[in-house]
C-alpha atoms as a PDB file:
ATOM      1  CA  MET A   1       0.000   0.000   0.000  1.00  0.00           C
ATOM      2  CA  PHE A   2       1.234   3.444  -0.895  1.00  0.00           C
ATOM      3  CA  LYS A   3      -0.527   6.779  -1.035  1.00  0.00           C
ATOM      4  CA  ILE A   4       0.161  10.473  -0.722  1.00  0.00           C
ATOM      5  CA  ASN A   5      -2.628  12.431   0.943  1.00  0.00           C
ATOM      6  CA  ALA A   6      -3.777  16.016   0.277  1.00  0.00           C
ATOM      7  CA  ASP A   7      -1.769  17.201   3.312  1.00  0.00           C
ATOM      8  CA  LYS A   8       1.346  15.623   1.693  1.00  0.00           C
ATOM      9  CA  SER A   9       1.522  12.880   4.302  1.00  0.00           C
ATOM     10  CA  ILE A  10       2.816   9.598   2.909  1.00  0.00           C
ATOM     11  CA  GLU A  11       1.359   6.233   3.925  1.00  0.00           C
ATOM     12  CA  ILE A  12       3.218   3.072   2.973  1.00  0.00           C
ATOM     13  CA  THR A  13       3.475  -0.535   4.077  1.00  0.00           C
ATOM     14  CA  ARG A  14       6.938  -1.433   5.341  1.00  0.00           C
ATOM     15  CA  GLY A  15       8.864  -3.121   2.517  1.00  0.00           C
ATOM     16  CA  ASP A  16       6.699  -1.765  -0.333  1.00  0.00           C
ATOM     17  CA  ARG A  17       8.064   0.169  -3.304  1.00  0.00           C
ATOM     18  CA  ALA A  18       6.925   3.693  -4.142  1.00  0.00           C
ATOM     19  CA  THR A  19       7.432   6.511  -6.598  1.00  0.00           C
ATOM     20  CA  ILE A  20       6.918  10.116  -5.512  1.00  0.00           C
ATOM     21  CA  LYS A  21       6.462  12.502  -8.425  1.00  0.00           C
ATOM     22  CA  LEU A  22       8.070  15.839  -7.549  1.00  0.00           C
ATOM     23  CA  THR A  23       7.040  18.895  -9.579  1.00  0.00           C
ATOM     24  CA  ASN A  24       9.195  22.000  -9.883  1.00  0.00           C
ATOM     25  CA  LYS A  25       6.619  24.818  -9.960  1.00  0.00           C
ATOM     26  CA  ASN A  26       9.193  27.581 -10.534  1.00  0.00           C
ATOM     27  CA  ASP A  27      11.368  26.065 -13.253  1.00  0.00           C
ATOM     28  CA  THR A  28      12.428  22.774 -14.794  1.00  0.00           C
ATOM     29  CA  PHE A  29      14.750  20.268 -13.213  1.00  0.00           C
ATOM     30  CA  LYS A  30      18.139  20.446 -14.893  1.00  0.00           C
ATOM     31  CA  VAL A  31      20.689  17.696 -15.427  1.00  0.00           C
ATOM     32  CA  GLY A  32      22.927  17.612 -12.355  1.00  0.00           C
ATOM     33  CA  ASP A  33      20.318  19.001  -9.922  1.00  0.00           C
ATOM     34  CA  VAL A  34      20.317  17.124  -6.619  1.00  0.00           C
ATOM     35  CA  ILE A  35      17.179  15.958  -4.782  1.00  0.00           C
ATOM     36  CA  LYS A  36      17.492  14.618  -1.227  1.00  0.00           C
ATOM     37  CA  PHE A  37      14.723  12.644   0.501  1.00  0.00           C
ATOM     38  CA  SER A  38      15.071  12.333   4.286  1.00  0.00           C
ATOM     39  CA  ILE A  39      13.040  10.578   6.978  1.00  0.00           C
ATOM     40  CA  VAL A  40      13.568  11.604  10.591  1.00  0.00           C
ATOM     41  CA  GLU A  41      12.208  10.511  13.920  1.00  0.00           C
ATOM     42  CA  LYS A  42       8.910  12.212  14.763  1.00  0.00           C
ATOM     43  CA  LYS A  43       9.609  15.405  16.751  1.00  0.00           C
ATOM     44  CA  ASN A  44      13.375  14.875  16.491  1.00  0.00           C
ATOM     45  CA  TYR A  45      15.049  16.189  13.344  1.00  0.00           C
ATOM     46  CA  ASN A  46      18.426  15.257  14.879  1.00  0.00           C
ATOM     47  CA  ASN A  47      17.653  11.545  14.519  1.00  0.00           C
ATOM     48  CA  LEU A  48      17.971  10.709  10.834  1.00  0.00           C
ATOM     49  CA  ILE A  49      16.237   7.396  10.070  1.00  0.00           C
ATOM     50  CA  PHE A  50      16.753   7.252   6.290  1.00  0.00           C
ATOM     51  CA  GLN A  51      18.228   9.472   3.602  1.00  0.00           C
ATOM     52  CA  LYS A  52      18.643   9.022  -0.126  1.00  0.00           C
ATOM     53  CA  GLN A  53      20.123  11.444  -2.625  1.00  0.00           C
ATOM     54  CA  TYR A  54      19.211  11.518  -6.312  1.00  0.00           C
ATOM     55  CA  GLU A  55      20.838  13.322  -9.222  1.00  0.00           C
ATOM     56  CA  VAL A  56      18.674  14.522 -12.096  1.00  0.00           C
ATOM     57  CA  SER A  57      19.840  12.812 -15.296  1.00  0.00           C
ATOM     58  CA  GLU A  58      17.182  14.180 -17.642  1.00  0.00           C
ATOM     59  CA  ALA A  59      15.777  17.734 -17.646  1.00  0.00           C
ATOM     60  CA  GLY A  60      12.042  18.083 -17.133  1.00  0.00           C
ATOM     61  CA  GLU A  61       9.185  19.580 -15.132  1.00  0.00           C
ATOM     62  CA  THR A  62       8.902  16.513 -12.882  1.00  0.00           C
ATOM     63  CA  PHE A  63      11.296  14.163 -11.142  1.00  0.00           C
ATOM     64  CA  ASP A  64      10.522  10.694  -9.802  1.00  0.00           C
ATOM     65  CA  ILE A  65      11.797   9.902  -6.323  1.00  0.00           C
ATOM     66  CA  THR A  66      11.863   6.116  -6.216  1.00  0.00           C
ATOM     67  CA  LEU A  67      11.894   4.184  -2.976  1.00  0.00           C
ATOM     68  CA  THR A  68      12.811   0.527  -3.229  1.00  0.00           C
ATOM     69  CA  SER A  69      11.484  -2.239  -1.041  1.00  0.00           C
ATOM     70  CA  GLN A  70      14.795  -2.159   0.821  1.00  0.00           C
ATOM     71  CA  ASP A  71      14.484   1.624   1.348  1.00  0.00           C
ATOM     72  CA  THR A  72      11.123   1.254   3.111  1.00  0.00           C
ATOM     73  CA  THR A  73      12.170  -1.676   5.290  1.00  0.00           C
ATOM     74  CA  ILE A  74      12.819   0.702   8.155  1.00  0.00           C
ATOM     75  CA  GLY A  75      13.667  -0.653  11.584  1.00  0.00           C
ATOM     76  CA  ASP A  76      12.393  -3.901  13.036  1.00  0.00           C
ATOM     77  CA  ILE A  77       9.080  -5.606  12.283  1.00  0.00           C
ATOM     78  CA  ILE A  78       6.245  -3.511  13.740  1.00  0.00           C
ATOM     79  CA  SER A  79       2.741  -4.508  14.851  1.00  0.00           C
ATOM     80  CA  ASP A  80       1.115  -1.095  14.500  1.00  0.00           C
ATOM     81  CA  LYS A  81       1.641   1.915  12.292  1.00  0.00           C
ATOM     82  CA  LYS A  82       4.648   4.089  13.108  1.00  0.00           C
ATOM     83  CA  GLU A  83       4.860   7.787  12.296  1.00  0.00           C
ATOM     84  CA  TYR A  84       7.991   9.564  11.154  1.00  0.00           C
ATOM     85  CA  TRP A  85       8.504  12.961   9.510  1.00  0.00           C
ATOM     86  CA  TYR A  86      10.038  13.556   6.088  1.00  0.00           C
ATOM     87  CA  GLU A  87      11.357  16.330   3.901  1.00  0.00           C
ATOM     88  CA  ILE A  88      12.505  16.781   0.329  1.00  0.00           C
ATOM     89  CA  GLU A  89      15.413  19.112  -0.348  1.00  0.00           C
ATOM     90  CA  TYR A  90      16.372  20.574  -3.725  1.00  0.00           C
ATOM     91  CA  ASN A  91      19.991  21.490  -4.563  1.00  0.00           C
ATOM     92  CA  GLY A  92      20.892  21.875  -0.887  1.00  0.00           C
ATOM     93  CA  ASN A  93      19.207  25.256  -0.560  1.00  0.00           C
ATOM     94  CA  GLN A  94      15.455  24.760  -1.007  1.00  0.00           C
ATOM     95  CA  THR A  95      12.987  22.553   0.845  1.00  0.00           C
ATOM     96  CA  PRO A  96       9.860  22.299  -1.304  1.00  0.00           C
ATOM     97  CA  ILE A  97       8.311  19.736   1.054  1.00  0.00           C
ATOM     98  CA  GLY A  98       9.030  19.696   4.774  1.00  0.00           C
ATOM     99  CA  PHE A  99       8.087  21.288   8.074  1.00  0.00           C
ATOM    100  CA  ASP A 100       6.176  24.529   7.410  1.00  0.00           C
ATOM    101  CA  ASP A 101       3.159  26.524   8.683  1.00  0.00           C
ATOM    102  CA  ASN A 102       1.078  23.375   8.150  1.00  0.00           C
ATOM    103  CA  LYS A 103       3.442  21.508  10.516  1.00  0.00           C
ATOM    104  CA  ALA A 104       5.529  18.415   9.748  1.00  0.00           C
ATOM    105  CA  LYS A 105       5.018  16.193   6.726  1.00  0.00           C
ATOM    106  CA  LYS A 106       4.215  12.724   8.027  1.00  0.00           C
ATOM    107  CA  PHE A 107       5.724   9.492   6.753  1.00  0.00           C
ATOM    108  CA  ILE A 108       3.462   6.757   8.126  1.00  0.00           C
ATOM    109  CA  LEU A 109       4.806   3.217   8.010  1.00  0.00           C
ATOM    110  CA  TYR A 110       2.372   0.289   8.269  1.00  0.00           C
ATOM    111  CA  PRO A 111       3.285  -3.238   9.390  1.00  0.00           C
ATOM    112  CA  GLU A 112       4.291  -6.062   7.080  1.00  0.00           C
ATOM    113  CA  ALA A 113       4.368  -9.773   7.884  1.00  0.00           C
ATOM    114  CA  PRO A 114       7.819 -11.301   8.335  1.00  0.00           C
ATOM    115  CA  ASN A 115       9.187 -13.752   5.793  1.00  0.00           C
ATOM    116  CA  LYS A 116       9.062 -17.379   6.857  1.00  0.00           C
ATOM    117  CA  GLU A 117      12.566 -18.686   7.341  1.00  0.00           C
ATOM    118  CA  GLU A 118      13.603 -21.346   4.874  1.00  0.00           C
ATOM    119  CA  GLU A 119      14.255 -24.757   6.356  1.00  0.00           C
END
C-alpha cells in the first residue's frame, strides 16, 4: 500500500516500493540538480532514520523519487503503524516539502508480515 494524501503525508506498508512525483513549480529540473529525501524521527530532526540522494539525469518539469522495497524496510518488524517525519530538499538550498506553517510532513509506516525462514 502506498498513497500520498492532500496534506502531503505519505502512507506506505513497510517493505513496499513507491514513486513520488516531484514537480518543480518555478522552473524545470536540470541535469545535475540534486534531490534529497530524508526521513527523521517524529519530533526529532536530529535523529535521521533514512536518507537518499538523487541526481537529475534528464531535464524536465517533474522528477521521480523512487523508494525501493529495501528503502522502506525501516527498523524492526512492527505490529502497528509508526509515524515519522520527512522532507525533500532541492539542490541543498530549497525545501519544497518539509516542516512549514502546516506543521511536519508525516511518513506513516504500516506493518508487514515477516518472511518465513527457509528450512
